[in-house]
Amino acid sequence: MGVPADLDHLVFACADLEAGIAWAERTFGVRPSRGGAHPQWGTHNALMSLGRGRYLELIAPDPAAAAAGRANVAGRALFGMSEGDAPGGEPRLTTWMVRSRTIETLLGNALKAGVDLGRVQGGSRLRADGTEISWQIAVPSARPMGGCVPWLIDWGWSEHPSAALPEGARLDWMEVTHPEPARVRAALEAVNCGGVDVREGREPGVRVGIACRRGVVVV
């Protein structure tokens, strides 16, 4: 149940951000802090640390974004959200991200392994304190292999978000299940995540153990 050395963050999708924050506080004993908005996807987020260089991201539709925008609907789908999600439903771990200074190389490796992880785009947002953070990210056209293969991100010269987030939790282990485990293993090897435990399962999914004051919580 190894955790890749370069794992950057876990993405938990939810229908309502405030409800997601309350869930995290109940579940892990840590209250995530609000991050910012992603206008290109019609979402906003809240974050909590999972240890040095890692964090948990709660992402939800942003009520301030235009609800009918086709780009928003497509963007939210990238993170496993749908228009029919119940506002009171618990957040779901739908995808994850790995950081790399050689994104283009890893994209090529993934294509050779039969998985398209998208194209590189730039992004930025303002923190609550007014400082800007920016990044380069490979945005796929859909969640790679149902969320079992990570997105790729490079923070460049920006301070990593985990440095200024609420602490009290740590990523302890992770495992992936998929109907085609050999394909997933090949794709993970291609992006330097070969140590992840991949098992055969009827549905794609990622499961993690997060150590916190309540013990190791499995989500």
N, C-alpha and C. Protein backbone atom coordinates (compact mmCIF):
# COMPACT_ATOMS: atom_id res chain seq x y z
N MET A 1 0.83 -1.20 0.00
CA MET A 1 0.00 0.00 0.00
C MET A 1 0.87 1.25 0.00
N GLY A 2 1.85 1.28 -0.90
CA GLY A 2 2.79 2.37 -0.94
C GLY A 2 2.17 3.66 -1.44
N VAL A 3 2.74 4.77 -0.98
CA VAL A 3 2.32 6.10 -1.42
C VAL A 3 3.44 6.67 -2.27
N PRO A 4 3.16 7.10 -3.51
CA PRO A 4 4.21 7.66 -4.36
C PRO A 4 4.91 8.84 -3.69
N ALA A 5 6.22 8.91 -3.84
CA ALA A 5 6.98 9.98 -3.21
C ALA A 5 6.52 11.35 -3.69
N ASP A 6 6.09 11.44 -4.95
CA ASP A 6 5.71 12.73 -5.53
C ASP A 6 4.21 12.99 -5.50
N LEU A 7 3.45 12.20 -4.74
CA LEU A 7 2.01 12.46 -4.64
C LEU A 7 1.82 13.87 -4.08
N ASP A 8 1.01 14.65 -4.77
CA ASP A 8 0.83 16.05 -4.39
C ASP A 8 -0.43 16.26 -3.57
N HIS A 9 -1.57 15.83 -4.12
CA HIS A 9 -2.79 15.97 -3.34
C HIS A 9 -3.89 15.03 -3.81
N LEU A 10 -4.84 14.81 -2.91
CA LEU A 10 -6.02 13.99 -3.16
C LEU A 10 -7.19 14.93 -3.39
N VAL A 11 -8.04 14.61 -4.36
CA VAL A 11 -9.17 15.47 -4.69
C VAL A 11 -10.47 14.78 -4.27
N PHE A 12 -11.19 15.41 -3.34
CA PHE A 12 -12.49 14.91 -2.88
C PHE A 12 -13.57 15.84 -3.44
N ALA A 13 -14.44 15.30 -4.27
CA ALA A 13 -15.53 16.08 -4.86
C ALA A 13 -16.74 16.08 -3.94
N CYS A 14 -17.40 17.22 -3.85
CA CYS A 14 -18.62 17.31 -3.04
C CYS A 14 -19.57 18.30 -3.70
N ALA A 15 -20.84 18.21 -3.35
CA ALA A 15 -21.85 19.07 -3.96
C ALA A 15 -21.89 20.44 -3.32
N ASP A 16 -21.47 20.54 -2.07
CA ASP A 16 -21.52 21.81 -1.34
C ASP A 16 -20.24 21.94 -0.51
N LEU A 17 -19.50 23.02 -0.70
CA LEU A 17 -18.19 23.14 -0.05
C LEU A 17 -18.30 23.25 1.46
N GLU A 18 -19.25 24.01 1.96
CA GLU A 18 -19.37 24.17 3.42
C GLU A 18 -19.70 22.83 4.07
N ALA A 19 -20.55 22.03 3.43
CA ALA A 19 -20.86 20.70 3.96
C ALA A 19 -19.63 19.80 3.91
N GLY A 20 -18.82 19.95 2.85
CA GLY A 20 -17.59 19.17 2.75
C GLY A 20 -16.60 19.52 3.84
N ILE A 21 -16.49 20.80 4.16
CA ILE A 21 -15.59 21.24 5.23
C ILE A 21 -16.04 20.65 6.57
N ALA A 22 -17.34 20.67 6.82
CA ALA A 22 -17.88 20.10 8.06
C ALA A 22 -17.61 18.60 8.13
N TRP A 23 -17.74 17.90 6.99
CA TRP A 23 -17.45 16.46 6.94
C TRP A 23 -15.99 16.19 7.30
N ALA A 24 -15.06 16.94 6.73
CA ALA A 24 -13.65 16.73 7.01
C ALA A 24 -13.34 16.97 8.49
N GLU A 25 -13.96 17.99 9.06
CA GLU A 25 -13.72 18.27 10.48
C GLU A 25 -14.24 17.15 11.36
N ARG A 26 -15.43 16.61 11.03
CA ARG A 26 -15.96 15.47 11.78
C ARG A 26 -15.10 14.23 11.61
N THR A 27 -14.63 14.00 10.39
CA THR A 27 -13.95 12.76 10.05
C THR A 27 -12.51 12.71 10.52
N PHE A 28 -11.79 13.83 10.35
CA PHE A 28 -10.36 13.85 10.65
C PHE A 28 -9.97 14.73 11.84
N GLY A 29 -10.93 15.50 12.34
CA GLY A 29 -10.59 16.41 13.44
C GLY A 29 -9.79 17.62 12.99
N VAL A 30 -9.82 17.92 11.69
CA VAL A 30 -9.12 19.07 11.13
C VAL A 30 -10.11 19.84 10.25
N ARG A 31 -10.17 21.15 10.43
CA ARG A 31 -11.08 21.96 9.61
C ARG A 31 -10.30 22.56 8.44
N PRO A 32 -10.59 22.14 7.21
CA PRO A 32 -9.89 22.71 6.05
C PRO A 32 -10.14 24.21 5.92
N SER A 33 -9.17 24.90 5.36
CA SER A 33 -9.33 26.33 5.10
C SER A 33 -9.71 26.55 3.64
N ARG A 34 -10.50 27.58 3.41
CA ARG A 34 -10.92 27.88 2.04
C ARG A 34 -9.71 28.29 1.20
N GLY A 35 -9.70 27.77 -0.04
CA GLY A 35 -8.60 28.07 -0.93
C GLY A 35 -8.95 29.19 -1.88
N GLY A 36 -9.70 28.90 -2.92
CA GLY A 36 -10.06 29.91 -3.90
C GLY A 36 -10.97 29.33 -4.95
N ALA A 37 -11.19 30.10 -6.02
CA ALA A 37 -12.10 29.68 -7.09
C ALA A 37 -11.32 29.32 -8.34
N HIS A 38 -11.92 28.44 -9.15
CA HIS A 38 -11.37 28.04 -10.45
C HIS A 38 -12.39 28.45 -11.51
N PRO A 39 -12.31 29.68 -12.02
CA PRO A 39 -13.34 30.15 -12.97
C PRO A 39 -13.47 29.27 -14.21
N GLN A 40 -12.35 28.65 -14.64
CA GLN A 40 -12.42 27.84 -15.86
C GLN A 40 -13.24 26.57 -15.67
N TRP A 41 -13.45 26.16 -14.43
CA TRP A 41 -14.21 24.95 -14.16
C TRP A 41 -15.51 25.22 -13.40
N GLY A 42 -15.70 26.44 -12.95
CA GLY A 42 -16.89 26.75 -12.18
C GLY A 42 -16.90 26.10 -10.81
N THR A 43 -15.71 25.98 -10.20
CA THR A 43 -15.59 25.32 -8.90
C THR A 43 -14.84 26.22 -7.91
N HIS A 44 -14.91 25.84 -6.64
CA HIS A 44 -14.07 26.44 -5.61
C HIS A 44 -13.65 25.34 -4.65
N ASN A 45 -12.67 25.64 -3.75
CA ASN A 45 -12.11 24.56 -2.95
C ASN A 45 -11.77 24.97 -1.53
N ALA A 46 -11.43 23.96 -0.74
CA ALA A 46 -10.90 24.12 0.61
C ALA A 46 -9.84 23.04 0.79
N LEU A 47 -8.81 23.35 1.61
CA LEU A 47 -7.64 22.50 1.68
C LEU A 47 -7.22 22.23 3.12
N MET A 48 -6.60 21.04 3.34
CA MET A 48 -5.97 20.71 4.61
C MET A 48 -4.71 19.91 4.34
N SER A 49 -3.72 20.06 5.18
CA SER A 49 -2.44 19.37 4.98
C SER A 49 -2.58 17.87 5.23
N LEU A 50 -1.82 17.10 4.46
CA LEU A 50 -1.68 15.66 4.70
C LEU A 50 -0.21 15.32 4.96
N GLY A 51 0.54 16.30 5.47
CA GLY A 51 1.97 16.10 5.69
C GLY A 51 2.77 16.97 4.74
N ARG A 52 4.06 17.00 4.93
CA ARG A 52 4.92 17.86 4.14
C ARG A 52 4.77 17.58 2.64
N GLY A 53 4.41 18.62 1.89
CA GLY A 53 4.29 18.49 0.45
C GLY A 53 3.06 17.77 -0.04
N ARG A 54 2.06 17.56 0.85
CA ARG A 54 0.83 16.86 0.45
C ARG A 54 -0.37 17.52 1.11
N TYR A 55 -1.51 17.44 0.41
CA TYR A 55 -2.71 17.98 1.02
C TYR A 55 -3.96 17.32 0.46
N LEU A 56 -5.06 17.55 1.14
CA LEU A 56 -6.38 17.08 0.73
C LEU A 56 -7.14 18.29 0.20
N GLU A 57 -7.72 18.14 -0.97
CA GLU A 57 -8.52 19.22 -1.57
C GLU A 57 -9.98 18.80 -1.65
N LEU A 58 -10.85 19.62 -1.07
CA LEU A 58 -12.28 19.49 -1.26
C LEU A 58 -12.66 20.42 -2.39
N ILE A 59 -13.37 19.93 -3.39
CA ILE A 59 -13.74 20.75 -4.53
C ILE A 59 -15.24 20.62 -4.77
N ALA A 60 -15.89 21.75 -5.03
CA ALA A 60 -17.35 21.77 -5.17
C ALA A 60 -17.75 22.81 -6.21
N PRO A 61 -18.95 22.69 -6.77
CA PRO A 61 -19.45 23.74 -7.67
C PRO A 61 -19.49 25.08 -6.95
N ASP A 62 -19.07 26.13 -7.63
CA ASP A 62 -19.05 27.47 -7.06
C ASP A 62 -20.37 28.16 -7.39
N PRO A 63 -21.18 28.49 -6.37
CA PRO A 63 -22.46 29.15 -6.64
C PRO A 63 -22.30 30.48 -7.37
N ALA A 64 -21.13 31.08 -7.26
CA ALA A 64 -20.90 32.37 -7.92
C ALA A 64 -20.65 32.22 -9.41
N ALA A 65 -20.39 30.98 -9.87
CA ALA A 65 -20.16 30.74 -11.30
C ALA A 65 -21.49 30.58 -12.02
N ALA A 66 -21.47 30.82 -13.29
CA ALA A 66 -22.70 30.69 -14.08
C ALA A 66 -23.11 29.22 -14.14
N ALA A 67 -24.24 28.89 -13.56
CA ALA A 67 -24.66 27.49 -13.43
C ALA A 67 -24.89 26.82 -14.77
N ALA A 68 -25.31 27.59 -15.76
CA ALA A 68 -25.67 26.97 -17.03
C ALA A 68 -24.51 26.84 -18.00
N GLY A 69 -23.33 27.32 -17.64
CA GLY A 69 -22.21 27.30 -18.56
C GLY A 69 -21.79 25.89 -18.92
N ARG A 70 -21.69 25.60 -20.23
CA ARG A 70 -21.30 24.26 -20.67
C ARG A 70 -19.88 23.93 -20.20
N ALA A 71 -18.99 24.93 -20.19
CA ALA A 71 -17.62 24.69 -19.73
C ALA A 71 -17.61 24.30 -18.27
N ASN A 72 -18.51 24.91 -17.47
CA ASN A 72 -18.58 24.56 -16.06
C ASN A 72 -19.02 23.12 -15.86
N VAL A 73 -20.03 22.70 -16.61
CA VAL A 73 -20.53 21.32 -16.49
C VAL A 73 -19.43 20.34 -16.87
N ALA A 74 -18.71 20.60 -17.96
CA ALA A 74 -17.64 19.71 -18.39
C ALA A 74 -16.49 19.73 -17.38
N GLY A 75 -16.17 20.91 -16.86
CA GLY A 75 -15.08 21.01 -15.90
C GLY A 75 -15.39 20.27 -14.61
N ARG A 76 -16.60 20.41 -14.13
CA ARG A 76 -16.97 19.71 -12.89
C ARG A 76 -16.95 18.21 -13.09
N ALA A 77 -17.33 17.75 -14.28
CA ALA A 77 -17.30 16.32 -14.57
C ALA A 77 -15.88 15.76 -14.49
N LEU A 78 -14.89 16.60 -14.81
CA LEU A 78 -13.50 16.17 -14.72
C LEU A 78 -13.14 15.72 -13.31
N PHE A 79 -13.81 16.30 -12.31
CA PHE A 79 -13.52 15.98 -10.92
C PHE A 79 -14.55 15.03 -10.32
N GLY A 80 -15.36 14.42 -11.18
CA GLY A 80 -16.30 13.41 -10.70
C GLY A 80 -17.58 13.97 -10.13
N MET A 81 -17.90 15.24 -10.46
CA MET A 81 -19.15 15.83 -9.99
C MET A 81 -20.20 15.75 -11.09
N SER A 82 -21.45 15.63 -10.69
CA SER A 82 -22.55 15.64 -11.65
C SER A 82 -23.65 16.55 -11.13
N GLU A 83 -24.52 16.98 -12.03
CA GLU A 83 -25.58 17.91 -11.65
C GLU A 83 -26.56 17.29 -10.66
N GLY A 84 -26.60 15.95 -10.60
CA GLY A 84 -27.56 15.30 -9.72
C GLY A 84 -27.04 14.99 -8.34
N ASP A 85 -25.80 15.41 -8.02
CA ASP A 85 -25.25 15.11 -6.69
C ASP A 85 -26.08 15.79 -5.60
N ALA A 86 -26.37 15.02 -4.55
CA ALA A 86 -27.15 15.57 -3.44
C ALA A 86 -26.28 16.49 -2.59
N PRO A 87 -26.77 17.68 -2.23
CA PRO A 87 -25.97 18.62 -1.44
C PRO A 87 -25.49 18.04 -0.12
N GLY A 88 -26.25 17.12 0.47
CA GLY A 88 -25.85 16.56 1.75
C GLY A 88 -24.98 15.32 1.66
N GLY A 89 -24.65 14.89 0.44
CA GLY A 89 -23.84 13.68 0.29
C GLY A 89 -22.41 13.87 0.74
N GLU A 90 -21.77 12.80 1.21
CA GLU A 90 -20.39 12.90 1.67
C GLU A 90 -19.44 13.09 0.48
N PRO A 91 -18.35 13.83 0.69
CA PRO A 91 -17.34 13.96 -0.36
C PRO A 91 -16.80 12.60 -0.78
N ARG A 92 -16.40 12.50 -2.07
CA ARG A 92 -15.88 11.26 -2.61
C ARG A 92 -14.49 11.50 -3.20
N LEU A 93 -13.56 10.58 -2.92
CA LEU A 93 -12.23 10.66 -3.49
C LEU A 93 -12.33 10.27 -4.96
N THR A 94 -12.22 11.25 -5.85
CA THR A 94 -12.47 11.00 -7.27
C THR A 94 -11.22 11.03 -8.13
N THR A 95 -10.17 11.69 -7.68
CA THR A 95 -8.92 11.68 -8.43
C THR A 95 -7.78 12.15 -7.53
N TRP A 96 -6.57 12.17 -8.07
CA TRP A 96 -5.40 12.59 -7.30
C TRP A 96 -4.37 13.18 -8.25
N MET A 97 -3.40 13.86 -7.68
CA MET A 97 -2.42 14.54 -8.51
C MET A 97 -1.00 14.27 -8.03
N VAL A 98 -0.09 14.24 -8.99
CA VAL A 98 1.33 14.00 -8.73
C VAL A 98 2.11 15.18 -9.29
N ARG A 99 3.09 15.68 -8.55
CA ARG A 99 3.87 16.81 -9.05
C ARG A 99 5.11 16.32 -9.79
N SER A 100 5.49 17.09 -10.79
CA SER A 100 6.66 16.75 -11.59
C SER A 100 7.19 18.00 -12.26
N ARG A 101 8.51 18.10 -12.37
CA ARG A 101 9.13 19.18 -13.14
C ARG A 101 9.31 18.78 -14.61
N THR A 102 8.91 17.57 -14.94
CA THR A 102 9.07 17.07 -16.31
C THR A 102 7.73 16.54 -16.84
N ILE A 103 6.69 17.39 -16.77
CA ILE A 103 5.35 16.96 -17.14
C ILE A 103 5.30 16.45 -18.57
N GLU A 104 5.92 17.16 -19.50
CA GLU A 104 5.84 16.77 -20.90
C GLU A 104 6.42 15.37 -21.12
N THR A 105 7.52 15.07 -20.44
CA THR A 105 8.13 13.75 -20.55
C THR A 105 7.18 12.67 -20.04
N LEU A 106 6.55 12.94 -18.89
CA LEU A 106 5.63 11.96 -18.32
C LEU A 106 4.38 11.79 -19.18
N LEU A 107 3.92 12.88 -19.80
CA LEU A 107 2.78 12.76 -20.72
C LEU A 107 3.12 11.83 -21.87
N GLY A 108 4.35 11.95 -22.40
CA GLY A 108 4.78 11.06 -23.47
C GLY A 108 4.87 9.62 -23.01
N ASN A 109 5.39 9.43 -21.80
CA ASN A 109 5.48 8.06 -21.26
C ASN A 109 4.09 7.45 -21.10
N ALA A 110 3.14 8.27 -20.62
CA ALA A 110 1.78 7.76 -20.42
C ALA A 110 1.13 7.39 -21.75
N LEU A 111 1.34 8.21 -22.78
CA LEU A 111 0.78 7.88 -24.10
C LEU A 111 1.31 6.55 -24.60
N LYS A 112 2.60 6.31 -24.38
CA LYS A 112 3.18 5.02 -24.80
C LYS A 112 2.55 3.87 -24.04
N ALA A 113 2.09 4.15 -22.83
CA ALA A 113 1.42 3.12 -22.02
C ALA A 113 -0.07 3.04 -22.33
N GLY A 114 -0.54 3.86 -23.27
CA GLY A 114 -1.93 3.78 -23.69
C GLY A 114 -2.90 4.67 -22.95
N VAL A 115 -2.39 5.69 -22.22
CA VAL A 115 -3.27 6.59 -21.46
C VAL A 115 -2.94 8.04 -21.80
N ASP A 116 -3.96 8.79 -22.21
CA ASP A 116 -3.79 10.20 -22.54
C ASP A 116 -4.11 11.04 -21.30
N LEU A 117 -3.09 11.70 -20.75
CA LEU A 117 -3.28 12.51 -19.55
C LEU A 117 -3.48 13.99 -19.87
N GLY A 118 -3.72 14.31 -21.13
CA GLY A 118 -4.11 15.67 -21.47
C GLY A 118 -2.98 16.55 -21.96
N ARG A 119 -3.24 17.85 -21.89
CA ARG A 119 -2.29 18.85 -22.35
C ARG A 119 -2.02 19.85 -21.23
N VAL A 120 -0.84 20.45 -21.28
CA VAL A 120 -0.43 21.35 -20.19
C VAL A 120 -1.10 22.71 -20.33
N GLN A 121 -1.64 23.19 -19.21
CA GLN A 121 -2.23 24.52 -19.13
C GLN A 121 -1.67 25.24 -17.91
N GLY A 122 -1.67 26.55 -17.95
CA GLY A 122 -1.26 27.33 -16.80
C GLY A 122 -2.46 27.70 -15.95
N GLY A 123 -2.24 27.90 -14.66
CA GLY A 123 -3.31 28.30 -13.76
C GLY A 123 -2.76 29.14 -12.63
N SER A 124 -3.64 29.87 -11.96
CA SER A 124 -3.23 30.67 -10.80
C SER A 124 -4.47 31.02 -10.00
N ARG A 125 -4.26 31.39 -8.73
CA ARG A 125 -5.34 31.90 -7.91
C ARG A 125 -4.73 32.75 -6.79
N LEU A 126 -5.57 33.58 -6.19
CA LEU A 126 -5.16 34.39 -5.05
C LEU A 126 -5.52 33.68 -3.76
N ARG A 127 -4.58 33.63 -2.83
CA ARG A 127 -4.88 33.12 -1.50
C ARG A 127 -5.67 34.16 -0.73
N ALA A 128 -6.17 33.74 0.43
CA ALA A 128 -6.94 34.65 1.27
C ALA A 128 -6.09 35.84 1.72
N ASP A 129 -4.76 35.64 1.83
CA ASP A 129 -3.88 36.74 2.27
C ASP A 129 -3.46 37.64 1.12
N GLY A 130 -3.99 37.37 -0.09
CA GLY A 130 -3.70 38.22 -1.23
C GLY A 130 -2.51 37.80 -2.08
N THR A 131 -1.75 36.81 -1.64
CA THR A 131 -0.62 36.35 -2.43
C THR A 131 -1.10 35.41 -3.54
N GLU A 132 -0.41 35.45 -4.64
CA GLU A 132 -0.78 34.63 -5.79
C GLU A 132 0.08 33.37 -5.85
N ILE A 133 -0.54 32.25 -6.15
CA ILE A 133 0.20 31.04 -6.46
C ILE A 133 -0.16 30.63 -7.88
N SER A 134 0.79 30.06 -8.58
CA SER A 134 0.55 29.66 -9.96
C SER A 134 1.10 28.26 -10.19
N TRP A 135 0.67 27.64 -11.26
CA TRP A 135 1.07 26.27 -11.53
C TRP A 135 0.92 25.95 -13.01
N GLN A 136 1.52 24.86 -13.42
CA GLN A 136 1.30 24.24 -14.72
C GLN A 136 0.65 22.89 -14.45
N ILE A 137 -0.38 22.56 -15.19
CA ILE A 137 -1.11 21.33 -14.94
C ILE A 137 -1.53 20.69 -16.26
N ALA A 138 -1.41 19.38 -16.33
CA ALA A 138 -1.89 18.64 -17.50
C ALA A 138 -3.36 18.30 -17.28
N VAL A 139 -4.23 18.85 -18.10
CA VAL A 139 -5.67 18.67 -17.94
C VAL A 139 -6.16 17.63 -18.93
N PRO A 140 -6.65 16.49 -18.44
CA PRO A 140 -7.16 15.45 -19.35
C PRO A 140 -8.56 15.79 -19.84
N SER A 141 -9.02 15.06 -20.84
CA SER A 141 -10.38 15.26 -21.35
C SER A 141 -11.41 14.56 -20.48
N ALA A 142 -10.96 13.60 -19.68
CA ALA A 142 -11.83 12.89 -18.74
C ALA A 142 -10.93 12.33 -17.64
N ARG A 143 -11.53 11.92 -16.52
CA ARG A 143 -10.71 11.36 -15.45
C ARG A 143 -9.97 10.12 -15.95
N PRO A 144 -8.62 10.13 -15.91
CA PRO A 144 -7.85 9.00 -16.45
C PRO A 144 -8.17 7.68 -15.76
N MET A 145 -8.70 6.74 -16.54
CA MET A 145 -9.05 5.41 -16.05
C MET A 145 -9.90 5.49 -14.78
N GLY A 146 -10.92 6.34 -14.87
CA GLY A 146 -11.87 6.45 -13.76
C GLY A 146 -11.28 7.04 -12.49
N GLY A 147 -10.21 7.83 -12.62
CA GLY A 147 -9.58 8.44 -11.45
C GLY A 147 -8.45 7.63 -10.87
N CYS A 148 -8.14 6.50 -11.46
CA CYS A 148 -7.09 5.63 -10.91
C CYS A 148 -5.67 6.09 -11.27
N VAL A 149 -5.56 6.86 -12.36
CA VAL A 149 -4.27 7.40 -12.79
C VAL A 149 -4.28 8.90 -12.53
N PRO A 150 -3.22 9.45 -11.94
CA PRO A 150 -3.26 10.85 -11.50
C PRO A 150 -3.10 11.87 -12.61
N TRP A 151 -3.52 13.09 -12.30
CA TRP A 151 -3.16 14.26 -13.07
C TRP A 151 -1.72 14.63 -12.73
N LEU A 152 -1.11 15.47 -13.57
CA LEU A 152 0.26 15.92 -13.35
C LEU A 152 0.27 17.43 -13.13
N ILE A 153 1.04 17.88 -12.12
CA ILE A 153 1.07 19.30 -11.78
C ILE A 153 2.48 19.73 -11.43
N ASP A 154 2.81 20.97 -11.74
CA ASP A 154 4.11 21.56 -11.41
C ASP A 154 3.86 22.94 -10.82
N TRP A 155 4.30 23.15 -9.57
CA TRP A 155 4.07 24.42 -8.89
C TRP A 155 5.13 25.47 -9.23
N GLY A 156 6.13 25.08 -10.01
CA GLY A 156 7.15 26.05 -10.39
C GLY A 156 7.82 26.67 -9.19
N TRP A 157 7.84 28.01 -9.15
CA TRP A 157 8.50 28.72 -8.05
C TRP A 157 7.55 29.10 -6.93
N SER A 158 6.28 28.75 -7.06
CA SER A 158 5.32 29.06 -5.99
C SER A 158 5.56 28.21 -4.76
N GLU A 159 5.28 28.78 -3.60
CA GLU A 159 5.34 28.00 -2.37
C GLU A 159 4.25 26.93 -2.43
N HIS A 160 4.59 25.72 -2.03
CA HIS A 160 3.60 24.65 -2.10
C HIS A 160 2.44 24.95 -1.15
N PRO A 161 1.20 24.72 -1.58
CA PRO A 161 0.04 25.04 -0.74
C PRO A 161 0.07 24.39 0.64
N SER A 162 0.66 23.20 0.76
CA SER A 162 0.64 22.50 2.05
C SER A 162 1.37 23.25 3.15
N ALA A 163 2.24 24.19 2.77
CA ALA A 163 3.04 24.91 3.78
C ALA A 163 2.20 25.83 4.65
N ALA A 164 1.00 26.18 4.21
CA ALA A 164 0.19 27.14 4.96
C ALA A 164 -1.21 26.61 5.24
N LEU A 165 -1.33 25.29 5.43
CA LEU A 165 -2.65 24.69 5.61
C LEU A 165 -2.83 24.13 7.02
N PRO A 166 -4.08 23.98 7.47
CA PRO A 166 -4.34 23.36 8.77
C PRO A 166 -3.73 21.97 8.84
N GLU A 167 -3.05 21.68 9.95
CA GLU A 167 -2.36 20.40 10.12
C GLU A 167 -3.11 19.50 11.08
N GLY A 168 -2.65 18.25 11.17
CA GLY A 168 -3.25 17.30 12.08
C GLY A 168 -3.61 15.98 11.43
N ALA A 169 -3.29 15.85 10.12
CA ALA A 169 -3.56 14.60 9.42
C ALA A 169 -2.39 14.28 8.51
N ARG A 170 -2.25 13.00 8.18
CA ARG A 170 -1.13 12.54 7.34
C ARG A 170 -1.61 11.37 6.49
N LEU A 171 -1.23 11.39 5.22
CA LEU A 171 -1.57 10.27 4.33
C LEU A 171 -0.71 9.07 4.70
N ASP A 172 -1.36 7.96 5.06
CA ASP A 172 -0.66 6.78 5.56
C ASP A 172 -0.48 5.72 4.48
N TRP A 173 -1.52 5.46 3.68
CA TRP A 173 -1.42 4.46 2.62
C TRP A 173 -2.50 4.72 1.57
N MET A 174 -2.32 4.09 0.41
CA MET A 174 -3.34 4.17 -0.63
C MET A 174 -3.34 2.89 -1.44
N GLU A 175 -4.48 2.58 -2.04
CA GLU A 175 -4.58 1.45 -2.95
C GLU A 175 -5.59 1.80 -4.04
N VAL A 176 -5.39 1.17 -5.19
CA VAL A 176 -6.22 1.42 -6.36
C VAL A 176 -6.87 0.11 -6.79
N THR A 177 -8.14 0.17 -7.20
CA THR A 177 -8.80 -1.00 -7.77
C THR A 177 -9.33 -0.64 -9.15
N HIS A 178 -9.30 -1.61 -10.07
CA HIS A 178 -9.75 -1.35 -11.45
C HIS A 178 -9.99 -2.70 -12.13
N PRO A 179 -10.96 -2.75 -13.07
CA PRO A 179 -11.20 -4.01 -13.80
C PRO A 179 -10.01 -4.45 -14.66
N GLU A 180 -9.13 -3.50 -15.01
CA GLU A 180 -7.95 -3.80 -15.82
C GLU A 180 -6.68 -3.39 -15.06
N PRO A 181 -6.33 -4.13 -14.02
CA PRO A 181 -5.20 -3.72 -13.17
C PRO A 181 -3.87 -3.64 -13.92
N ALA A 182 -3.65 -4.49 -14.91
CA ALA A 182 -2.38 -4.46 -15.64
C ALA A 182 -2.22 -3.13 -16.39
N ARG A 183 -3.30 -2.65 -17.00
CA ARG A 183 -3.26 -1.36 -17.69
C ARG A 183 -2.97 -0.23 -16.73
N VAL A 184 -3.59 -0.27 -15.57
CA VAL A 184 -3.37 0.78 -14.57
C VAL A 184 -1.93 0.74 -14.08
N ARG A 185 -1.40 -0.45 -13.81
CA ARG A 185 0.00 -0.55 -13.35
C ARG A 185 0.96 0.04 -14.38
N ALA A 186 0.71 -0.25 -15.66
CA ALA A 186 1.59 0.27 -16.70
C ALA A 186 1.53 1.79 -16.75
N ALA A 187 0.33 2.35 -16.62
CA ALA A 187 0.18 3.80 -16.64
C ALA A 187 0.84 4.44 -15.43
N LEU A 188 0.70 3.81 -14.27
CA LEU A 188 1.32 4.36 -13.06
C LEU A 188 2.84 4.29 -13.14
N GLU A 189 3.36 3.22 -13.68
CA GLU A 189 4.81 3.12 -13.89
C GLU A 189 5.29 4.26 -14.78
N ALA A 190 4.50 4.59 -15.79
CA ALA A 190 4.89 5.62 -16.75
C ALA A 190 5.01 6.99 -16.13
N VAL A 191 4.28 7.23 -15.01
CA VAL A 191 4.34 8.55 -14.36
C VAL A 191 5.01 8.46 -12.99
N ASN A 192 5.91 7.47 -12.85
CA ASN A 192 6.74 7.31 -11.64
C ASN A 192 5.94 7.01 -10.38
N CYS A 193 4.85 6.26 -10.54
CA CYS A 193 4.03 5.87 -9.39
C CYS A 193 3.92 4.35 -9.29
N GLY A 194 5.02 3.67 -9.61
CA GLY A 194 4.99 2.21 -9.66
C GLY A 194 4.79 1.52 -8.33
N GLY A 195 4.96 2.22 -7.21
CA GLY A 195 4.82 1.56 -5.91
C GLY A 195 3.41 1.44 -5.40
N VAL A 196 2.44 1.97 -6.13
CA VAL A 196 1.05 1.93 -5.67
C VAL A 196 0.49 0.52 -5.77
N ASP A 197 -0.25 0.10 -4.76
CA ASP A 197 -0.89 -1.21 -4.75
C ASP A 197 -2.12 -1.17 -5.65
N VAL A 198 -2.11 -1.95 -6.73
CA VAL A 198 -3.23 -1.98 -7.68
C VAL A 198 -3.87 -3.36 -7.64
N ARG A 199 -5.17 -3.39 -7.41
CA ARG A 199 -5.89 -4.65 -7.31
C ARG A 199 -7.04 -4.69 -8.31
N GLU A 200 -7.43 -5.88 -8.68
CA GLU A 200 -8.56 -6.02 -9.59
C GLU A 200 -9.86 -5.79 -8.84
N GLY A 201 -10.76 -5.02 -9.45
CA GLY A 201 -12.06 -4.76 -8.84
C GLY A 201 -13.09 -4.48 -9.91
N ARG A 202 -14.35 -4.60 -9.57
CA ARG A 202 -15.42 -4.41 -10.56
C ARG A 202 -15.52 -2.97 -11.02
N GLU A 203 -15.23 -2.02 -10.12
CA GLU A 203 -15.34 -0.60 -10.45
C GLU A 203 -14.01 0.10 -10.17
N PRO A 204 -13.66 1.13 -10.99
CA PRO A 204 -12.47 1.91 -10.69
C PRO A 204 -12.62 2.64 -9.36
N GLY A 205 -11.55 2.72 -8.61
CA GLY A 205 -11.63 3.44 -7.34
C GLY A 205 -10.28 3.57 -6.68
N VAL A 206 -10.16 4.57 -5.82
CA VAL A 206 -8.96 4.80 -5.01
C VAL A 206 -9.39 4.85 -3.56
N ARG A 207 -8.65 4.14 -2.71
CA ARG A 207 -8.93 4.12 -1.28
C ARG A 207 -7.66 4.51 -0.53
N VAL A 208 -7.82 5.31 0.52
CA VAL A 208 -6.65 5.76 1.28
C VAL A 208 -6.89 5.62 2.77
N GLY A 209 -5.80 5.54 3.52
CA GLY A 209 -5.84 5.61 4.97
C GLY A 209 -5.18 6.90 5.41
N ILE A 210 -5.90 7.71 6.17
CA ILE A 210 -5.39 9.00 6.64
C ILE A 210 -5.26 8.95 8.15
N ALA A 211 -4.02 9.09 8.64
CA ALA A 211 -3.76 9.07 10.07
C ALA A 211 -4.07 10.44 10.65
N CYS A 212 -4.84 10.44 11.74
CA CYS A 212 -5.22 11.69 12.40
C CYS A 212 -5.49 11.39 13.86
N ARG A 213 -5.98 12.35 14.59
CA ARG A 213 -6.22 12.16 16.02
C ARG A 213 -7.29 11.10 16.29
N ARG A 214 -8.07 10.75 15.29
CA ARG A 214 -9.10 9.72 15.44
C ARG A 214 -8.60 8.33 15.05
N GLY A 215 -7.30 8.21 14.76
CA GLY A 215 -6.72 6.95 14.31
C GLY A 215 -6.46 7.02 12.81
N VAL A 216 -6.41 5.86 12.16
CA VAL A 216 -6.25 5.82 10.71
C VAL A 216 -7.65 5.67 10.10
N VAL A 217 -8.11 6.72 9.46
CA VAL A 217 -9.45 6.74 8.87
C VAL A 217 -9.36 6.29 7.43
N VAL A 218 -10.16 5.33 7.03
CA VAL A 218 -10.17 4.81 5.67
C VAL A 218 -11.29 5.46 4.88
N VAL A 219 -10.93 6.09 3.76
CA VAL A 219 -11.92 6.76 2.91
C VAL A 219 -11.63 6.42 1.46
